[in-house]
Amino acid sequence: MPYALVPEGYKLQKVTKQQKEAVDKHVSNEAVQAFLDGPASGELVKAVAIVVTPIVLAVLAKQIDLPDVTSFLDKQLEKVPGLDLSALGEFSL
């Protein structure tokens, strides 16, 4: 039988498998909530927006076939050191 730290004073006790899963889920949810309430979450959103927005715009420009925009984006993306877009699939921007 597994052991778990059960909230309300954090006592260590024997629990069933289902109880351990419930405690683990509760602790995970608390950790996620603490992160989202903290200052790091705002910085993460900004960083993701800065990185993802140009990539999304490049993909959209490629899909609607704007040759001037896509050639400009291709030139700009070549200048970014260490940028690897291979995870996006087999196409060039």
C-alpha atoms as a PDB file:
ATOM      1  CA  MET A   1       0.000   0.000   0.000  1.00  0.00           C
ATOM      2  CA  PRO A   2       1.473   3.404  -0.944  1.00  0.00           C
ATOM      3  CA  TYR A   3       2.139   6.333   1.351  1.00  0.00           C
ATOM      4  CA  ALA A   4       1.251   9.959   0.622  1.00  0.00           C
ATOM      5  CA  LEU A   5       1.503  13.365   2.235  1.00  0.00           C
ATOM      6  CA  VAL A   6      -2.122  14.243   2.822  1.00  0.00           C
ATOM      7  CA  PRO A   7      -2.951  17.991   3.046  1.00  0.00           C
ATOM      8  CA  GLU A   8      -4.320  19.537   6.283  1.00  0.00           C
ATOM      9  CA  GLY A   9      -1.177  19.442   8.331  1.00  0.00           C
ATOM     10  CA  TYR A  10       0.749  17.318   5.814  1.00  0.00           C
ATOM     11  CA  LYS A  11       0.700  14.037   7.658  1.00  0.00           C
ATOM     12  CA  LEU A  12       2.193  10.937   6.080  1.00  0.00           C
ATOM     13  CA  GLN A  13      -0.260   8.052   6.036  1.00  0.00           C
ATOM     14  CA  LYS A  14      -1.121   4.891   4.206  1.00  0.00           C
ATOM     15  CA  VAL A  15      -3.585   5.457   1.384  1.00  0.00           C
ATOM     16  CA  THR A  16      -5.240   3.380  -1.285  1.00  0.00           C
ATOM     17  CA  LYS A  17      -4.181   3.687  -4.906  1.00  0.00           C
ATOM     18  CA  GLN A  18      -7.211   5.852  -5.724  1.00  0.00           C
ATOM     19  CA  GLN A  19      -6.530   8.123  -2.745  1.00  0.00           C
ATOM     20  CA  LYS A  20      -2.892   8.513  -3.796  1.00  0.00           C
ATOM     21  CA  GLU A  21      -3.973   9.455  -7.328  1.00  0.00           C
ATOM     22  CA  ALA A  22      -6.395  12.018  -5.879  1.00  0.00           C
ATOM     23  CA  VAL A  23      -3.705  13.514  -3.639  1.00  0.00           C
ATOM     24  CA  ASP A  24      -1.231  13.651  -6.550  1.00  0.00           C
ATOM     25  CA  LYS A  25      -3.818  15.376  -8.744  1.00  0.00           C
ATOM     26  CA  HIS A  26      -4.594  17.867  -5.973  1.00  0.00           C
ATOM     27  CA  VAL A  27      -0.898  18.696  -5.453  1.00  0.00           C
ATOM     28  CA  SER A  28      -0.395  19.068  -9.215  1.00  0.00           C
ATOM     29  CA  ASN A  29      -3.372  21.419  -9.489  1.00  0.00           C
ATOM     30  CA  GLU A  30      -2.074  23.488  -6.577  1.00  0.00           C
ATOM     31  CA  ALA A  31       1.349  23.771  -8.222  1.00  0.00           C
ATOM     32  CA  VAL A  32      -0.155  24.896 -11.534  1.00  0.00           C
ATOM     33  CA  GLN A  33      -2.366  27.440  -9.773  1.00  0.00           C
ATOM     34  CA  ALA A  34       0.602  28.793  -7.815  1.00  0.00           C
ATOM     35  CA  PHE A  35       2.577  29.203 -11.052  1.00  0.00           C
ATOM     36  CA  LEU A  36      -0.287  30.958 -12.837  1.00  0.00           C
ATOM     37  CA  ASP A  37      -0.782  33.319  -9.898  1.00  0.00           C
ATOM     38  CA  GLY A  38       2.935  34.141  -9.739  1.00  0.00           C
ATOM     39  CA  PRO A  39       4.894  36.765 -11.647  1.00  0.00           C
ATOM     40  CA  ALA A  40       6.575  34.246 -13.954  1.00  0.00           C
ATOM     41  CA  SER A  41       3.367  33.434 -15.819  1.00  0.00           C
ATOM     42  CA  GLY A  42       3.056  36.963 -17.240  1.00  0.00           C
ATOM     43  CA  GLU A  43       6.630  36.842 -18.490  1.00  0.00           C
ATOM     44  CA  LEU A  44       6.012  33.432 -20.039  1.00  0.00           C
ATOM     45  CA  VAL A  45       2.995  34.732 -21.957  1.00  0.00           C
ATOM     46  CA  LYS A  46       5.049  37.659 -23.265  1.00  0.00           C
ATOM     47  CA  ALA A  47       7.901  35.381 -24.334  1.00  0.00           C
ATOM     48  CA  VAL A  48       5.561  32.976 -26.108  1.00  0.00           C
ATOM     49  CA  ALA A  49       3.826  35.855 -27.883  1.00  0.00           C
ATOM     50  CA  ILE A  50       7.153  37.276 -29.066  1.00  0.00           C
ATOM     51  CA  VAL A  51       8.319  33.912 -30.392  1.00  0.00           C
ATOM     52  CA  VAL A  52       5.065  32.490 -31.770  1.00  0.00           C
ATOM     53  CA  THR A  53       3.515  35.565 -33.421  1.00  0.00           C
ATOM     54  CA  PRO A  54       6.110  35.950 -36.213  1.00  0.00           C
ATOM     55  CA  ILE A  55       5.988  32.232 -36.964  1.00  0.00           C
ATOM     56  CA  VAL A  56       2.183  32.241 -37.185  1.00  0.00           C
ATOM     57  CA  LEU A  57       2.248  35.307 -39.440  1.00  0.00           C
ATOM     58  CA  ALA A  58       4.819  33.652 -41.685  1.00  0.00           C
ATOM     59  CA  VAL A  59       2.730  30.498 -41.992  1.00  0.00           C
ATOM     60  CA  LEU A  60      -0.412  32.518 -42.765  1.00  0.00           C
ATOM     61  CA  ALA A  61       1.418  34.570 -45.388  1.00  0.00           C
ATOM     62  CA  LYS A  62       2.636  31.363 -47.010  1.00  0.00           C
ATOM     63  CA  GLN A  63      -0.860  29.854 -47.036  1.00  0.00           C
ATOM     64  CA  ILE A  64      -2.459  32.838 -48.757  1.00  0.00           C
ATOM     65  CA  ASP A  65       0.517  32.989 -51.157  1.00  0.00           C
ATOM     66  CA  LEU A  66       1.823  36.522 -50.857  1.00  0.00           C
ATOM     67  CA  PRO A  67       5.163  36.239 -52.689  1.00  0.00           C
ATOM     68  CA  ASP A  68       6.543  39.601 -51.560  1.00  0.00           C
ATOM     69  CA  VAL A  69       5.749  38.909 -47.920  1.00  0.00           C
ATOM     70  CA  THR A  70       7.009  35.334 -47.960  1.00  0.00           C
ATOM     71  CA  SER A  71      10.299  36.263 -49.625  1.00  0.00           C
ATOM     72  CA  PHE A  72      10.781  39.065 -47.092  1.00  0.00           C
ATOM     73  CA  LEU A  73      10.034  36.663 -44.217  1.00  0.00           C
ATOM     74  CA  ASP A  74      12.399  34.052 -45.653  1.00  0.00           C
ATOM     75  CA  LYS A  75      15.207  36.617 -45.707  1.00  0.00           C
ATOM     76  CA  GLN A  76      14.465  37.767 -42.167  1.00  0.00           C
ATOM     77  CA  LEU A  77      14.237  34.238 -40.778  1.00  0.00           C
ATOM     78  CA  GLU A  78      17.619  33.364 -42.293  1.00  0.00           C
ATOM     79  CA  LYS A  79      19.143  36.088 -40.119  1.00  0.00           C
ATOM     80  CA  VAL A  80      17.911  34.522 -36.863  1.00  0.00           C
ATOM     81  CA  PRO A  81      20.763  32.459 -35.378  1.00  0.00           C
ATOM     82  CA  GLY A  82      19.805  28.966 -34.278  1.00  0.00           C
ATOM     83  CA  LEU A  83      16.215  29.148 -35.516  1.00  0.00           C
ATOM     84  CA  ASP A  84      14.983  25.667 -36.375  1.00  0.00           C
ATOM     85  CA  LEU A  85      11.528  25.443 -37.940  1.00  0.00           C
ATOM     86  CA  SER A  86      11.753  21.741 -38.775  1.00  0.00           C
ATOM     87  CA  ALA A  87       9.072  20.914 -36.206  1.00  0.00           C
ATOM     88  CA  LEU A  88       6.543  22.897 -38.256  1.00  0.00           C
ATOM     89  CA  GLY A  89       6.671  20.436 -41.144  1.00  0.00           C
ATOM     90  CA  GLU A  90       8.219  20.063 -44.567  1.00  0.00           C
ATOM     91  CA  PHE A  91       7.765  23.462 -46.152  1.00  0.00           C
ATOM     92  CA  SER A  92       9.833  26.595 -46.569  1.00  0.00           C
ATOM     93  CA  LEU A  93       8.680  30.017 -45.548  1.00  0.00           C
END
